[in-house]
N, C-alpha and C. Protein backbone atom coordinates (compact mmCIF):
# COMPACT_ATOMS: atom_id res chain seq x y z
N UNK A 1 35.96 -29.96 121.69
CA UNK A 1 37.04 -30.13 120.52
C UNK A 1 36.90 -30.48 119.25
N UNK A 2 35.60 -30.09 118.00
CA UNK A 2 35.43 -30.72 117.13
C UNK A 2 36.51 -31.16 115.91
N UNK A 3 35.44 -32.56 115.75
CA UNK A 3 37.33 -32.51 114.62
C UNK A 3 36.83 -32.21 113.15
N UNK A 4 37.58 -32.45 112.22
CA UNK A 4 37.21 -32.39 111.32
C UNK A 4 36.49 -32.89 109.83
N UNK A 5 36.33 -32.40 108.68
CA UNK A 5 35.40 -32.80 108.07
C UNK A 5 36.64 -34.38 107.42
N UNK A 6 38.25 -33.89 107.07
CA UNK A 6 39.04 -35.21 106.85
C UNK A 6 39.25 -35.74 107.43
N UNK A 7 38.41 -36.19 108.55
CA UNK A 7 39.19 -37.46 109.58
C UNK A 7 37.73 -38.35 109.31
N UNK A 8 37.04 -38.14 108.11
CA UNK A 8 35.54 -39.17 108.41
C UNK A 8 35.78 -39.68 107.09
N UNK A 9 35.42 -41.09 107.20
CA UNK A 9 35.59 -41.79 105.85
C UNK A 9 34.68 -40.80 104.55
N UNK A 10 33.44 -39.58 105.16
CA UNK A 10 32.45 -39.48 104.36
C UNK A 10 31.50 -38.87 105.60
N UNK A 11 30.80 -37.83 104.06
CA UNK A 11 30.10 -37.08 104.78
C UNK A 11 28.56 -37.18 104.40
N UNK A 12 27.71 -36.29 105.26
CA UNK A 12 27.79 -35.92 107.03
C UNK A 12 28.40 -37.18 107.71
N UNK A 13 29.26 -36.16 108.96
CA UNK A 13 29.89 -37.78 109.65
C UNK A 13 29.44 -38.16 110.47
N UNK A 14 27.88 -37.46 110.79
CA UNK A 14 27.34 -38.33 112.06
C UNK A 14 27.55 -39.86 111.85
N UNK A 15 27.59 -40.64 111.98
CA UNK A 15 27.89 -42.50 112.71
C UNK A 15 29.02 -42.18 111.37
N UNK A 16 29.27 -41.41 110.35
CA UNK A 16 30.38 -42.36 109.31
C UNK A 16 31.72 -42.19 110.77
N UNK A 17 32.99 -44.05 110.00
CA UNK A 17 33.73 -44.11 110.32
C UNK A 17 35.32 -43.35 110.05
N UNK A 18 36.04 -43.17 110.61
CA UNK A 18 36.50 -42.50 110.79
C UNK A 18 37.91 -43.03 110.28
N UNK A 19 38.78 -42.37 109.10
CA UNK A 19 39.99 -42.52 108.63
C UNK A 19 41.02 -43.43 108.92
N UNK A 20 41.54 -44.44 108.66
CA UNK A 20 41.99 -45.58 108.59
C UNK A 20 44.00 -44.65 109.57
N UNK A 21 44.22 -43.34 109.41
CA UNK A 21 45.61 -43.13 109.57
C UNK A 21 44.95 -42.40 109.95
N UNK A 22 44.01 -41.70 111.02
CA UNK A 22 43.52 -40.88 111.79
C UNK A 22 42.30 -42.42 112.62
N UNK A 23 42.86 -42.70 113.29
CA UNK A 23 42.43 -43.66 114.11
C UNK A 23 43.05 -43.84 115.63
N UNK A 24 44.83 -43.74 115.09
CA UNK A 24 44.68 -43.80 117.10
C UNK A 24 45.44 -41.83 117.02
N UNK A 25 45.39 -40.79 116.67
CA UNK A 25 45.03 -39.45 116.61
C UNK A 25 43.34 -39.61 117.19
N UNK A 26 42.61 -40.60 117.01
CA UNK A 26 41.03 -39.87 116.84
C UNK A 26 40.82 -40.53 118.38
N UNK A 27 41.38 -41.66 118.94
CA UNK A 27 41.88 -41.81 120.41
C UNK A 27 42.79 -41.68 120.83
N UNK A 28 43.00 -41.12 121.13
CA UNK A 28 44.02 -39.79 121.54
C UNK A 28 43.40 -38.39 121.85
N UNK A 29 42.36 -37.87 120.85
CA UNK A 29 41.85 -36.96 120.90
C UNK A 29 40.65 -36.86 121.83
N UNK A 30 39.80 -38.38 121.66
CA UNK A 30 39.27 -38.58 122.55
C UNK A 30 38.83 -38.64 125.00
N UNK A 31 40.60 -39.38 124.52
CA UNK A 31 40.93 -38.48 126.00
C UNK A 31 41.70 -37.68 126.35
N UNK A 32 41.39 -35.98 125.68
CA UNK A 32 41.91 -35.13 125.57
C UNK A 32 41.04 -34.59 126.33
N UNK A 33 40.64 -33.73 128.07
CA UNK A 33 39.80 -32.87 128.45
C UNK A 33 39.59 -32.17 127.28
N UNK A 34 38.61 -31.09 127.69
CA UNK A 34 38.03 -29.58 126.81
C UNK A 34 38.86 -29.12 127.33
N UNK A 35 38.80 -29.13 128.36
CA UNK A 35 39.24 -27.52 129.13
C UNK A 35 40.62 -27.00 129.00
N UNK A 36 41.79 -28.71 128.65
CA UNK A 36 42.82 -28.75 128.34
C UNK A 36 43.49 -28.46 127.07
N UNK A 37 42.04 -28.79 125.72
CA UNK A 37 42.83 -27.95 124.53
C UNK A 37 42.10 -27.17 124.60
N UNK A 38 41.58 -26.40 125.32
CA UNK A 38 40.77 -24.76 125.43
C UNK A 38 42.58 -24.57 125.88
N UNK A 39 42.77 -24.87 126.66
CA UNK A 39 44.11 -24.26 127.38
C UNK A 39 45.20 -24.13 126.22
N UNK A 40 45.34 -25.03 126.17
CA UNK A 40 46.29 -25.57 124.25
C UNK A 40 46.35 -23.93 123.32
N UNK A 41 44.51 -24.47 123.04
CA UNK A 41 44.42 -23.29 121.89
C UNK A 41 44.67 -21.49 122.36
N UNK A 42 43.91 -21.21 123.73
CA UNK A 42 44.53 -20.13 123.99
C UNK A 42 45.82 -19.85 124.25
N UNK A 43 46.88 -21.04 124.84
CA UNK A 43 48.64 -20.67 124.66
C UNK A 43 49.43 -21.06 123.54
N UNK A 44 48.16 -21.39 122.10
CA UNK A 44 48.62 -21.17 120.64
C UNK A 44 48.64 -19.97 120.14
N UNK A 45 47.49 -19.13 120.73
CA UNK A 45 46.99 -17.94 120.15
C UNK A 45 48.22 -16.96 120.91
N UNK A 46 48.55 -16.81 122.54
CA UNK A 46 48.58 -15.74 123.06
C UNK A 46 50.53 -16.09 122.75
N UNK A 47 50.79 -17.21 121.41
CA UNK A 47 52.28 -16.89 121.20
C UNK A 47 52.28 -16.45 120.30
N UNK A 48 51.31 -16.46 119.67
CA UNK A 48 50.64 -16.41 117.93
C UNK A 48 51.45 -14.54 117.80
N UNK A 49 50.45 -14.30 118.90
CA UNK A 49 50.29 -12.47 119.12
C UNK A 49 52.09 -12.50 119.36
N UNK A 50 52.26 -12.79 120.44
CA UNK A 50 54.01 -13.13 120.90
C UNK A 50 54.70 -12.45 119.94
N UNK A 51 54.81 -13.31 118.87
CA UNK A 51 55.52 -13.62 118.12
C UNK A 51 55.69 -13.09 116.48
N UNK A 52 54.00 -12.11 117.09
CA UNK A 52 54.12 -11.13 115.85
C UNK A 52 52.98 -12.47 114.48
N UNK A 53 52.41 -13.23 114.69
CA UNK A 53 51.78 -13.97 113.53
C UNK A 53 50.14 -13.80 113.48
N UNK A 54 50.82 -12.09 112.95
CA UNK A 54 49.47 -11.68 112.74
C UNK A 54 48.68 -11.47 111.84
N UNK A 55 48.25 -10.61 111.25
CA UNK A 55 47.98 -9.93 110.20
C UNK A 55 46.89 -7.92 110.27
N UNK A 56 47.38 -7.55 109.64
CA UNK A 56 46.64 -6.14 109.74
C UNK A 56 44.99 -6.22 109.06
N UNK A 57 43.91 -5.40 109.35
CA UNK A 57 43.01 -5.35 108.22
C UNK A 57 42.33 -4.53 108.30
N UNK A 58 42.51 -3.81 107.21
CA UNK A 58 42.48 -2.19 106.85
C UNK A 58 40.94 -1.69 106.90
N UNK A 59 41.28 -0.66 107.05
CA UNK A 59 39.47 -0.64 107.31
C UNK A 59 38.33 -0.64 108.16
N UNK A 60 38.63 -1.97 109.06
CA UNK A 60 38.50 -2.32 110.87
C UNK A 60 39.72 -1.38 111.40
N UNK A 61 38.94 -0.66 112.76
CA UNK A 61 39.64 0.13 113.35
C UNK A 61 38.69 -0.64 114.53
N UNK A 62 40.14 -0.45 115.84
CA UNK A 62 39.25 -0.80 117.04
C UNK A 62 39.03 0.82 117.75
N UNK A 63 39.19 0.46 118.97
CA UNK A 63 38.53 1.58 120.19
C UNK A 63 39.70 2.54 119.63
N UNK A 64 41.41 2.87 119.49
CA UNK A 64 42.28 3.91 119.11
C UNK A 64 42.15 4.75 118.51
N UNK A 65 41.62 3.56 117.43
CA UNK A 65 41.05 4.24 116.04
C UNK A 65 42.75 3.77 114.49
N UNK A 66 42.89 2.97 115.17
CA UNK A 66 44.81 2.43 114.41
C UNK A 66 43.60 0.85 114.04
N UNK A 67 44.25 0.81 112.77
CA UNK A 67 43.51 -0.70 112.23
C UNK A 67 43.87 -2.02 113.53
N UNK A 68 43.33 -2.89 113.11
CA UNK A 68 42.51 -3.84 113.75
C UNK A 68 43.65 -5.11 113.37
N UNK A 69 44.33 -5.58 114.36
CA UNK A 69 45.42 -6.88 114.37
C UNK A 69 45.17 -8.90 114.35
N UNK A 70 44.90 -8.57 113.57
CA UNK A 70 44.36 -10.54 113.89
C UNK A 70 45.50 -11.88 113.73
N UNK A 71 44.68 -13.07 113.93
CA UNK A 71 46.28 -14.21 114.38
C UNK A 71 45.46 -14.95 112.80
N UNK A 72 46.36 -15.57 111.93
CA UNK A 72 46.73 -16.23 111.39
C UNK A 72 45.69 -17.02 111.81
N UNK A 73 44.96 -17.39 111.21
CA UNK A 73 43.83 -18.86 110.80
C UNK A 73 45.35 -19.93 111.58
N UNK A 74 44.37 -21.12 112.59
CA UNK A 74 45.10 -22.37 112.48
C UNK A 74 44.60 -22.93 113.14
N UNK A 75 44.85 -24.18 112.81
CA UNK A 75 44.16 -25.03 113.03
C UNK A 75 45.15 -25.69 114.71
N UNK A 76 44.14 -26.18 115.60
CA UNK A 76 44.96 -26.96 116.83
C UNK A 76 44.80 -28.51 116.42
N UNK A 77 44.07 -28.76 115.16
CA UNK A 77 43.50 -30.35 115.28
C UNK A 77 44.92 -30.77 113.95
N UNK A 78 45.84 -31.52 113.58
CA UNK A 78 46.65 -31.54 112.71
C UNK A 78 45.87 -32.25 111.79
N UNK A 79 45.91 -32.20 110.73
CA UNK A 79 46.36 -32.77 109.18
C UNK A 79 47.16 -33.66 109.04
N UNK A 80 46.43 -35.19 108.72
CA UNK A 80 47.14 -35.97 108.82
C UNK A 80 47.47 -36.94 106.84
N UNK A 81 48.62 -36.52 106.01
CA UNK A 81 47.77 -37.31 105.10
C UNK A 81 48.81 -38.17 104.50
N UNK A 82 48.86 -39.82 104.68
CA UNK A 82 49.40 -40.69 104.56
C UNK A 82 49.67 -40.86 103.24
N UNK A 83 50.94 -40.85 102.89
CA UNK A 83 52.08 -41.16 102.23
C UNK A 83 51.07 -41.43 100.69
N UNK A 84 50.06 -42.24 100.59
CA UNK A 84 49.75 -43.13 99.36
C UNK A 84 48.95 -42.14 98.32
N UNK A 85 48.09 -40.25 99.28
CA UNK A 85 47.77 -39.59 99.30
C UNK A 85 48.89 -38.21 99.24
N UNK A 86 49.73 -38.47 99.48
CA UNK A 86 50.52 -37.44 99.35
C UNK A 86 51.23 -37.33 97.74
């Protein structure tokens, strides 16, 4: 699972410190097996499709000639915004 830029004090983030408000989350994330995180992503995608959190891509056609439905983009990892930045 790739972390996102907002978790780090500076870019590029190779060797950069984790921002203070992400430290506990980073510790939790480090303990998660990649298979578990992939499973959670797949589960979220399945729920999004079942509930209909999708959008149509007009002009793009699938095998039967109808429009293509795509999932609304989402991040499995939350953005944490500290109070002083809110």
